[in-house]
Amino acid sequence: MPKVGIVMGSDSDLRVMSKAAAMLEKLEIEYEMTIISAHREPDVFFEYAKSAEEKDFKVIIAGAGMAAHLPGMCAAIFPMPVIGVPMSGKNLDGQDALYSIVQMPPGIPVATVAIDGGMNAAILAAKILAVSDPELLGRLKTYTQEMKETVQAKAKKLDQLGYQDYMKQM
């Protein structure tokens, strides 16, 4: 059964939210992904958020742009953690969505990642789930080690080649 719900307001958000899905898959976390417009189909949205607990979701990752009501409304209805992913847009480059998501009223928190931060939203969801899942915690530690080794390999290559030759290979 999915432990994470991924919801977005438009298929244009898939370019970012697919990164969340890919990271959840890498960490072997089941998820369900859907598109729901909180403004254009409020009844569908309300049913989604209300039934998320029954579906055994432990975390919802909600991506939204512009007015960005989707994450906040999920947090108002769903009693478990909600992670908001502000989407960059054509008007204010995602700052409007960032402010809308991060400025929730007292009592309705939404954990918020960077603009277009789908991958980090998935990692944060995994860390929340890992509190009660030692195997997942192990997979997160392995992922962290892999990132460290990748950076160290790049540093070694730069040291060996020098700046100019390194840049030619990029």
N, C-alpha and C. Protein backbone atom coordinates (compact mmCIF):
# COMPACT_ATOMS: atom_id res chain seq x y z
N MET A 1 0.84 -1.19 0.00
CA MET A 1 0.00 0.00 0.00
C MET A 1 0.89 1.26 0.00
N PRO A 2 0.56 2.28 -0.78
CA PRO A 2 1.39 3.49 -0.85
C PRO A 2 1.52 4.16 0.51
N LYS A 3 2.71 4.60 0.82
CA LYS A 3 2.94 5.34 2.06
C LYS A 3 2.98 6.84 1.81
N VAL A 4 3.22 7.22 0.56
CA VAL A 4 3.33 8.64 0.21
C VAL A 4 2.36 8.94 -0.92
N GLY A 5 1.63 10.02 -0.75
CA GLY A 5 0.80 10.53 -1.83
C GLY A 5 1.53 11.69 -2.48
N ILE A 6 1.59 11.67 -3.80
CA ILE A 6 2.16 12.80 -4.55
C ILE A 6 1.01 13.40 -5.35
N VAL A 7 0.75 14.66 -5.10
CA VAL A 7 -0.36 15.33 -5.78
C VAL A 7 0.14 16.65 -6.34
N MET A 8 -0.36 16.99 -7.51
CA MET A 8 0.01 18.25 -8.16
C MET A 8 -1.20 18.82 -8.86
N GLY A 9 -1.17 20.12 -9.10
CA GLY A 9 -2.30 20.79 -9.68
C GLY A 9 -2.40 20.74 -11.19
N SER A 10 -1.32 20.32 -11.87
CA SER A 10 -1.31 20.34 -13.32
C SER A 10 -0.27 19.35 -13.84
N ASP A 11 -0.48 18.87 -15.06
CA ASP A 11 0.52 17.98 -15.65
C ASP A 11 1.83 18.72 -15.96
N SER A 12 1.80 20.05 -16.01
CA SER A 12 3.04 20.80 -16.20
C SER A 12 3.96 20.66 -14.99
N ASP A 13 3.42 20.22 -13.86
CA ASP A 13 4.22 20.01 -12.65
C ASP A 13 4.95 18.68 -12.67
N LEU A 14 4.65 17.82 -13.63
CA LEU A 14 5.28 16.50 -13.69
C LEU A 14 6.80 16.56 -13.85
N ARG A 15 7.30 17.57 -14.51
CA ARG A 15 8.75 17.68 -14.70
C ARG A 15 9.47 17.75 -13.35
N VAL A 16 8.84 18.33 -12.36
CA VAL A 16 9.43 18.42 -11.01
C VAL A 16 9.00 17.25 -10.15
N MET A 17 7.72 16.92 -10.19
CA MET A 17 7.20 15.88 -9.30
C MET A 17 7.67 14.48 -9.71
N SER A 18 8.07 14.32 -10.96
CA SER A 18 8.63 13.03 -11.37
C SER A 18 9.96 12.77 -10.67
N LYS A 19 10.66 13.83 -10.27
CA LYS A 19 11.89 13.67 -9.52
C LYS A 19 11.61 13.14 -8.12
N ALA A 20 10.48 13.55 -7.55
CA ALA A 20 10.06 13.00 -6.25
C ALA A 20 9.76 11.52 -6.40
N ALA A 21 9.02 11.18 -7.45
CA ALA A 21 8.67 9.77 -7.68
C ALA A 21 9.93 8.93 -7.89
N ALA A 22 10.85 9.42 -8.68
CA ALA A 22 12.09 8.67 -8.96
C ALA A 22 12.89 8.44 -7.68
N MET A 23 12.95 9.44 -6.81
CA MET A 23 13.69 9.26 -5.56
C MET A 23 12.98 8.28 -4.64
N LEU A 24 11.66 8.35 -4.57
CA LEU A 24 10.92 7.39 -3.75
C LEU A 24 11.16 5.97 -4.27
N GLU A 25 11.18 5.81 -5.58
CA GLU A 25 11.46 4.49 -6.16
C GLU A 25 12.86 4.02 -5.79
N LYS A 26 13.83 4.92 -5.88
CA LYS A 26 15.22 4.57 -5.52
C LYS A 26 15.29 4.10 -4.07
N LEU A 27 14.51 4.73 -3.21
CA LEU A 27 14.53 4.38 -1.78
C LEU A 27 13.52 3.28 -1.44
N GLU A 28 12.87 2.72 -2.48
CA GLU A 28 11.92 1.62 -2.33
C GLU A 28 10.72 1.97 -1.45
N ILE A 29 10.18 3.16 -1.69
CA ILE A 29 8.99 3.63 -0.96
C ILE A 29 7.83 3.66 -1.93
N GLU A 30 6.75 3.00 -1.55
CA GLU A 30 5.56 2.98 -2.40
C GLU A 30 4.87 4.35 -2.35
N TYR A 31 4.33 4.73 -3.50
CA TYR A 31 3.64 6.01 -3.58
C TYR A 31 2.50 5.91 -4.58
N GLU A 32 1.63 6.91 -4.51
CA GLU A 32 0.56 7.08 -5.49
C GLU A 32 0.66 8.51 -5.99
N MET A 33 0.59 8.71 -7.29
CA MET A 33 0.72 10.05 -7.87
C MET A 33 -0.55 10.40 -8.63
N THR A 34 -1.00 11.65 -8.47
CA THR A 34 -2.18 12.08 -9.19
C THR A 34 -2.14 13.59 -9.44
N ILE A 35 -3.04 14.03 -10.31
CA ILE A 35 -3.22 15.45 -10.62
C ILE A 35 -4.62 15.85 -10.19
N ILE A 36 -4.69 16.86 -9.34
CA ILE A 36 -5.98 17.38 -8.88
C ILE A 36 -5.86 18.90 -8.77
N SER A 37 -6.80 19.60 -9.31
CA SER A 37 -6.82 21.05 -9.17
C SER A 37 -7.73 21.42 -7.99
N ALA A 38 -7.13 22.00 -6.95
CA ALA A 38 -7.91 22.42 -5.79
C ALA A 38 -8.94 23.48 -6.16
N HIS A 39 -8.64 24.28 -7.18
CA HIS A 39 -9.54 25.36 -7.59
C HIS A 39 -10.60 24.91 -8.58
N ARG A 40 -10.24 24.02 -9.50
CA ARG A 40 -11.17 23.63 -10.57
C ARG A 40 -12.03 22.41 -10.23
N GLU A 41 -11.59 21.63 -9.24
CA GLU A 41 -12.37 20.47 -8.82
C GLU A 41 -12.25 20.27 -7.31
N PRO A 42 -12.78 21.23 -6.56
CA PRO A 42 -12.63 21.18 -5.10
C PRO A 42 -13.24 19.93 -4.47
N ASP A 43 -14.30 19.41 -5.04
CA ASP A 43 -14.92 18.20 -4.49
C ASP A 43 -13.98 17.00 -4.62
N VAL A 44 -13.31 16.87 -5.77
CA VAL A 44 -12.35 15.78 -5.99
C VAL A 44 -11.16 15.95 -5.04
N PHE A 45 -10.67 17.18 -4.93
CA PHE A 45 -9.56 17.43 -4.03
C PHE A 45 -9.93 17.08 -2.59
N PHE A 46 -11.09 17.54 -2.15
CA PHE A 46 -11.51 17.29 -0.77
C PHE A 46 -11.57 15.79 -0.49
N GLU A 47 -12.10 15.02 -1.40
CA GLU A 47 -12.18 13.57 -1.23
C GLU A 47 -10.79 12.95 -1.18
N TYR A 48 -9.88 13.43 -2.02
CA TYR A 48 -8.50 12.93 -2.02
C TYR A 48 -7.86 13.14 -0.65
N ALA A 49 -7.91 14.37 -0.16
CA ALA A 49 -7.26 14.70 1.11
C ALA A 49 -7.93 13.99 2.28
N LYS A 50 -9.23 13.89 2.22
CA LYS A 50 -9.98 13.25 3.31
C LYS A 50 -9.73 11.75 3.34
N SER A 51 -9.53 11.11 2.20
CA SER A 51 -9.35 9.66 2.14
C SER A 51 -7.88 9.23 2.23
N ALA A 52 -6.96 10.17 2.26
CA ALA A 52 -5.52 9.83 2.27
C ALA A 52 -5.13 9.01 3.49
N GLU A 53 -5.70 9.32 4.62
CA GLU A 53 -5.38 8.55 5.83
C GLU A 53 -5.89 7.11 5.70
N GLU A 54 -7.08 6.93 5.15
CA GLU A 54 -7.63 5.59 4.93
C GLU A 54 -6.78 4.79 3.95
N LYS A 55 -6.13 5.47 3.01
CA LYS A 55 -5.25 4.81 2.04
C LYS A 55 -3.90 4.46 2.67
N ASP A 56 -3.73 4.81 3.93
CA ASP A 56 -2.51 4.55 4.69
C ASP A 56 -1.35 5.45 4.28
N PHE A 57 -1.63 6.59 3.67
CA PHE A 57 -0.58 7.56 3.41
C PHE A 57 -0.03 8.03 4.75
N LYS A 58 1.27 8.17 4.82
CA LYS A 58 1.91 8.71 6.02
C LYS A 58 2.38 10.14 5.77
N VAL A 59 2.58 10.47 4.51
CA VAL A 59 3.06 11.80 4.11
C VAL A 59 2.44 12.12 2.75
N ILE A 60 2.10 13.38 2.54
CA ILE A 60 1.68 13.85 1.22
C ILE A 60 2.72 14.86 0.74
N ILE A 61 3.16 14.69 -0.50
CA ILE A 61 3.99 15.68 -1.17
C ILE A 61 3.08 16.38 -2.16
N ALA A 62 2.89 17.68 -1.97
CA ALA A 62 1.97 18.45 -2.80
C ALA A 62 2.71 19.55 -3.53
N GLY A 63 2.68 19.49 -4.85
CA GLY A 63 3.33 20.51 -5.66
C GLY A 63 2.30 21.48 -6.21
N ALA A 64 2.65 22.76 -6.20
CA ALA A 64 1.71 23.76 -6.72
C ALA A 64 2.46 25.02 -7.10
N GLY A 65 1.90 25.71 -8.07
CA GLY A 65 2.45 26.99 -8.49
C GLY A 65 1.47 28.10 -8.21
N MET A 66 1.88 29.29 -8.51
CA MET A 66 1.07 30.50 -8.38
C MET A 66 0.47 30.62 -6.98
N ALA A 67 -0.84 30.58 -6.84
CA ALA A 67 -1.49 30.76 -5.53
C ALA A 67 -1.16 29.62 -4.58
N ALA A 68 -0.83 28.45 -5.12
CA ALA A 68 -0.32 27.31 -4.36
C ALA A 68 -1.18 26.90 -3.17
N HIS A 69 -2.47 26.77 -3.39
CA HIS A 69 -3.35 26.37 -2.30
C HIS A 69 -3.33 24.87 -2.02
N LEU A 70 -2.89 24.07 -2.95
CA LEU A 70 -2.96 22.61 -2.80
C LEU A 70 -2.23 22.11 -1.55
N PRO A 71 -0.97 22.47 -1.30
CA PRO A 71 -0.31 21.97 -0.09
C PRO A 71 -1.00 22.41 1.20
N GLY A 72 -1.37 23.66 1.29
CA GLY A 72 -2.02 24.16 2.49
C GLY A 72 -3.37 23.51 2.75
N MET A 73 -4.13 23.31 1.71
CA MET A 73 -5.43 22.66 1.88
C MET A 73 -5.24 21.18 2.25
N CYS A 74 -4.22 20.52 1.70
CA CYS A 74 -3.92 19.15 2.13
C CYS A 74 -3.63 19.14 3.62
N ALA A 75 -2.80 20.09 4.08
CA ALA A 75 -2.44 20.16 5.49
C ALA A 75 -3.63 20.47 6.38
N ALA A 76 -4.59 21.21 5.86
CA ALA A 76 -5.78 21.54 6.64
C ALA A 76 -6.68 20.32 6.84
N ILE A 77 -6.63 19.37 5.92
CA ILE A 77 -7.52 18.21 5.97
C ILE A 77 -6.81 16.95 6.43
N PHE A 78 -5.62 16.68 5.93
CA PHE A 78 -4.86 15.46 6.21
C PHE A 78 -4.10 15.64 7.53
N PRO A 79 -4.26 14.73 8.50
CA PRO A 79 -3.65 14.95 9.82
C PRO A 79 -2.15 14.62 9.91
N MET A 80 -1.57 14.07 8.86
CA MET A 80 -0.16 13.68 8.87
C MET A 80 0.67 14.76 8.16
N PRO A 81 2.01 14.60 8.09
CA PRO A 81 2.84 15.63 7.47
C PRO A 81 2.55 15.87 5.98
N VAL A 82 2.62 17.12 5.59
CA VAL A 82 2.49 17.54 4.20
C VAL A 82 3.75 18.31 3.85
N ILE A 83 4.32 17.97 2.70
CA ILE A 83 5.51 18.66 2.20
C ILE A 83 5.11 19.41 0.93
N GLY A 84 5.29 20.70 0.94
CA GLY A 84 4.93 21.52 -0.21
C GLY A 84 6.12 21.75 -1.13
N VAL A 85 5.86 21.63 -2.42
CA VAL A 85 6.88 21.89 -3.43
C VAL A 85 6.40 23.06 -4.28
N PRO A 86 6.95 24.26 -4.06
CA PRO A 86 6.57 25.39 -4.90
C PRO A 86 7.14 25.22 -6.31
N MET A 87 6.30 25.48 -7.30
CA MET A 87 6.70 25.33 -8.70
C MET A 87 7.08 26.67 -9.29
N SER A 88 8.16 26.67 -10.06
CA SER A 88 8.51 27.89 -10.77
C SER A 88 7.44 28.16 -11.81
N GLY A 89 7.22 29.42 -12.06
CA GLY A 89 6.18 29.78 -13.02
C GLY A 89 6.65 30.88 -13.94
N LYS A 90 5.76 31.27 -14.81
CA LYS A 90 6.12 32.27 -15.81
C LYS A 90 6.12 33.69 -15.27
N ASN A 91 5.40 33.94 -14.18
CA ASN A 91 5.27 35.32 -13.71
C ASN A 91 6.32 35.72 -12.68
N LEU A 92 6.41 34.99 -11.59
CA LEU A 92 7.30 35.38 -10.49
C LEU A 92 8.35 34.31 -10.19
N ASP A 93 8.61 33.44 -11.14
CA ASP A 93 9.64 32.39 -11.01
C ASP A 93 9.46 31.50 -9.79
N GLY A 94 8.23 31.34 -9.32
CA GLY A 94 7.95 30.45 -8.20
C GLY A 94 7.95 31.11 -6.85
N GLN A 95 8.35 32.38 -6.80
CA GLN A 95 8.34 33.07 -5.50
C GLN A 95 6.93 33.21 -4.94
N ASP A 96 5.96 33.40 -5.82
CA ASP A 96 4.56 33.49 -5.37
C ASP A 96 4.14 32.19 -4.71
N ALA A 97 4.47 31.07 -5.32
CA ALA A 97 4.12 29.76 -4.76
C ALA A 97 4.88 29.51 -3.46
N LEU A 98 6.15 29.87 -3.43
CA LEU A 98 6.95 29.68 -2.22
C LEU A 98 6.32 30.42 -1.04
N TYR A 99 6.01 31.67 -1.24
CA TYR A 99 5.41 32.45 -0.15
C TYR A 99 4.04 31.91 0.25
N SER A 100 3.25 31.48 -0.72
CA SER A 100 1.94 30.94 -0.40
C SER A 100 2.04 29.67 0.44
N ILE A 101 3.01 28.83 0.13
CA ILE A 101 3.14 27.56 0.84
C ILE A 101 3.77 27.75 2.21
N VAL A 102 4.78 28.55 2.29
CA VAL A 102 5.53 28.69 3.54
C VAL A 102 4.79 29.54 4.58
N GLN A 103 3.90 30.42 4.15
CA GLN A 103 3.21 31.34 5.06
C GLN A 103 1.86 30.80 5.52
N MET A 104 1.86 29.59 6.05
CA MET A 104 0.61 29.00 6.54
C MET A 104 0.26 29.57 7.91
N PRO A 105 -1.04 29.59 8.23
CA PRO A 105 -1.45 30.12 9.54
C PRO A 105 -1.06 29.15 10.67
N PRO A 106 -0.99 29.65 11.88
CA PRO A 106 -0.66 28.79 13.02
C PRO A 106 -1.60 27.58 13.10
N GLY A 107 -1.02 26.43 13.35
CA GLY A 107 -1.80 25.20 13.48
C GLY A 107 -1.91 24.39 12.20
N ILE A 108 -1.50 24.95 11.07
CA ILE A 108 -1.58 24.25 9.78
C ILE A 108 -0.21 24.31 9.11
N PRO A 109 0.78 23.59 9.65
CA PRO A 109 2.12 23.66 9.06
C PRO A 109 2.24 22.87 7.77
N VAL A 110 3.06 23.38 6.88
CA VAL A 110 3.45 22.67 5.66
C VAL A 110 4.97 22.75 5.59
N ALA A 111 5.64 21.60 5.64
CA ALA A 111 7.08 21.59 5.42
C ALA A 111 7.29 22.01 3.98
N THR A 112 8.20 22.93 3.74
CA THR A 112 8.37 23.47 2.39
C THR A 112 9.80 23.32 1.93
N VAL A 113 9.97 22.81 0.72
CA VAL A 113 11.30 22.67 0.13
C VAL A 113 11.51 23.79 -0.88
N ALA A 114 12.65 23.79 -1.51
CA ALA A 114 12.99 24.83 -2.48
C ALA A 114 12.05 24.81 -3.69
N ILE A 115 12.03 25.90 -4.40
CA ILE A 115 11.28 25.99 -5.64
C ILE A 115 11.77 24.87 -6.57
N ASP A 116 10.84 24.10 -7.09
CA ASP A 116 11.11 22.94 -7.95
C ASP A 116 11.91 21.85 -7.24
N GLY A 117 11.77 21.75 -5.92
CA GLY A 117 12.55 20.81 -5.12
C GLY A 117 11.89 19.46 -4.92
N GLY A 118 11.40 18.86 -5.99
CA GLY A 118 10.73 17.56 -5.89
C GLY A 118 11.60 16.47 -5.29
N MET A 119 12.86 16.42 -5.68
CA MET A 119 13.74 15.38 -5.15
C MET A 119 13.91 15.53 -3.64
N ASN A 120 14.14 16.75 -3.18
CA ASN A 120 14.30 16.96 -1.75
C ASN A 120 13.01 16.68 -0.98
N ALA A 121 11.87 16.92 -1.60
CA ALA A 121 10.60 16.59 -0.95
C ALA A 121 10.52 15.08 -0.69
N ALA A 122 10.97 14.30 -1.64
CA ALA A 122 10.96 12.84 -1.47
C ALA A 122 11.93 12.41 -0.38
N ILE A 123 13.10 13.02 -0.35
CA ILE A 123 14.08 12.67 0.69
C ILE A 123 13.54 13.05 2.06
N LEU A 124 12.89 14.20 2.17
CA LEU A 124 12.30 14.60 3.45
C LEU A 124 11.19 13.63 3.85
N ALA A 125 10.36 13.23 2.90
CA ALA A 125 9.32 12.24 3.19
C ALA A 125 9.95 10.94 3.69
N ALA A 126 11.04 10.53 3.05
CA ALA A 126 11.73 9.30 3.46
C ALA A 126 12.27 9.44 4.87
N LYS A 127 12.82 10.59 5.20
CA LYS A 127 13.34 10.80 6.55
C LYS A 127 12.22 10.76 7.59
N ILE A 128 11.08 11.29 7.25
CA ILE A 128 9.93 11.22 8.16
C ILE A 128 9.53 9.76 8.38
N LEU A 129 9.45 9.00 7.30
CA LEU A 129 9.08 7.59 7.39
C LEU A 129 10.15 6.76 8.11
N ALA A 130 11.41 7.14 7.96
CA ALA A 130 12.52 6.38 8.54
C ALA A 130 12.54 6.43 10.06
N VAL A 131 11.83 7.36 10.65
CA VAL A 131 11.75 7.44 12.10
C VAL A 131 11.26 6.11 12.69
N SER A 132 10.39 5.42 11.96
CA SER A 132 9.85 4.15 12.46
C SER A 132 10.17 2.98 11.52
N ASP A 133 11.17 3.15 10.66
CA ASP A 133 11.51 2.10 9.70
C ASP A 133 13.03 1.98 9.59
N PRO A 134 13.64 1.09 10.39
CA PRO A 134 15.10 0.96 10.38
C PRO A 134 15.69 0.57 9.01
N GLU A 135 14.96 -0.22 8.23
CA GLU A 135 15.46 -0.61 6.91
C GLU A 135 15.53 0.61 5.98
N LEU A 136 14.51 1.44 6.02
CA LEU A 136 14.52 2.66 5.21
C LEU A 136 15.63 3.58 5.68
N LEU A 137 15.84 3.68 6.98
CA LEU A 137 16.93 4.50 7.50
C LEU A 137 18.27 4.01 6.93
N GLY A 138 18.44 2.72 6.84
CA GLY A 138 19.66 2.15 6.25
C GLY A 138 19.81 2.55 4.79
N ARG A 139 18.70 2.52 4.03
CA ARG A 139 18.76 2.91 2.62
C ARG A 139 19.11 4.40 2.49
N LEU A 140 18.59 5.22 3.40
CA LEU A 140 18.93 6.65 3.38
C LEU A 140 20.41 6.86 3.68
N LYS A 141 20.94 6.12 4.62
CA LYS A 141 22.37 6.23 4.94
C LYS A 141 23.23 5.80 3.75
N THR A 142 22.80 4.75 3.06
CA THR A 142 23.52 4.30 1.87
C THR A 142 23.49 5.39 0.80
N TYR A 143 22.33 6.00 0.59
CA TYR A 143 22.21 7.07 -0.40
C TYR A 143 23.14 8.24 -0.04
N THR A 144 23.18 8.61 1.24
CA THR A 144 24.05 9.70 1.68
C THR A 144 25.51 9.36 1.42
N GLN A 145 25.90 8.12 1.67
CA GLN A 145 27.27 7.68 1.41
C GLN A 145 27.59 7.74 -0.08
N GLU A 146 26.63 7.34 -0.91
CA GLU A 146 26.82 7.40 -2.37
C GLU A 146 27.05 8.84 -2.83
N MET A 147 26.28 9.79 -2.26
CA MET A 147 26.48 11.20 -2.62
C MET A 147 27.88 11.65 -2.22
N LYS A 148 28.32 11.27 -1.04
CA LYS A 148 29.66 11.64 -0.56
C LYS A 148 30.72 11.10 -1.50
N GLU A 149 30.60 9.84 -1.89
CA GLU A 149 31.59 9.21 -2.77
C GLU A 149 31.60 9.86 -4.14
N THR A 150 30.45 10.28 -4.64
CA THR A 150 30.38 10.96 -5.93
C THR A 150 31.15 12.28 -5.89
N VAL A 151 30.95 13.04 -4.83
CA VAL A 151 31.66 14.32 -4.68
C VAL A 151 33.16 14.08 -4.56
N GLN A 152 33.55 13.09 -3.78
CA GLN A 152 34.97 12.80 -3.60
C GLN A 152 35.61 12.37 -4.91
N ALA A 153 34.89 11.60 -5.72
CA ALA A 153 35.43 11.17 -7.03
C ALA A 153 35.62 12.38 -7.94
N LYS A 154 34.69 13.31 -7.91
CA LYS A 154 34.82 14.52 -8.74
C LYS A 154 36.00 15.37 -8.28
N ALA A 155 36.18 15.48 -6.97
CA ALA A 155 37.31 16.26 -6.44
C ALA A 155 38.64 15.63 -6.84
N LYS A 156 38.70 14.31 -6.77
CA LYS A 156 39.92 13.60 -7.16
C LYS A 156 40.23 13.81 -8.64
N LYS A 157 39.19 13.73 -9.46
CA LYS A 157 39.36 13.92 -10.90
C LYS A 157 39.85 15.34 -11.20
N LEU A 158 39.28 16.33 -10.51
CA LEU A 158 39.71 17.72 -10.70
C LEU A 158 41.17 17.89 -10.29
N ASP A 159 41.53 17.28 -9.17
CA ASP A 159 42.94 17.35 -8.72
C ASP A 159 43.88 16.73 -9.75
N GLN A 160 43.47 15.62 -10.34
CA GLN A 160 44.32 14.91 -11.30
C GLN A 160 44.42 15.65 -12.64
N LEU A 161 43.30 16.16 -13.12
CA LEU A 161 43.27 16.76 -14.45
C LEU A 161 43.59 18.25 -14.47
N GLY A 162 43.27 18.94 -13.40
CA GLY A 162 43.36 20.39 -13.40
C GLY A 162 42.08 20.97 -13.98
N TYR A 163 41.88 22.22 -13.69
CA TYR A 163 40.63 22.91 -14.06
C TYR A 163 40.33 22.85 -15.56
N GLN A 164 41.27 23.23 -16.39
CA GLN A 164 41.03 23.33 -17.82
C GLN A 164 40.64 21.98 -18.44
N ASP A 165 41.38 20.92 -18.14
CA ASP A 165 41.08 19.59 -18.69
C ASP A 165 39.78 19.02 -18.12
N TYR A 166 39.53 19.32 -16.87
CA TYR A 166 38.29 18.87 -16.25
C TYR A 166 37.09 19.47 -16.98
N MET A 167 37.18 20.76 -17.26
CA MET A 167 36.09 21.47 -17.94
C MET A 167 35.87 20.94 -19.36
N LYS A 168 36.91 20.52 -20.02
CA LYS A 168 36.79 19.98 -21.37
C LYS A 168 35.98 18.69 -21.37
N GLN A 169 36.01 17.95 -20.27
CA GLN A 169 35.30 16.68 -20.19
C GLN A 169 33.85 16.85 -19.74
N MET A 170 33.46 18.02 -19.39
CA MET A 170 32.09 18.24 -18.91
C MET A 170 31.12 18.40 -20.04
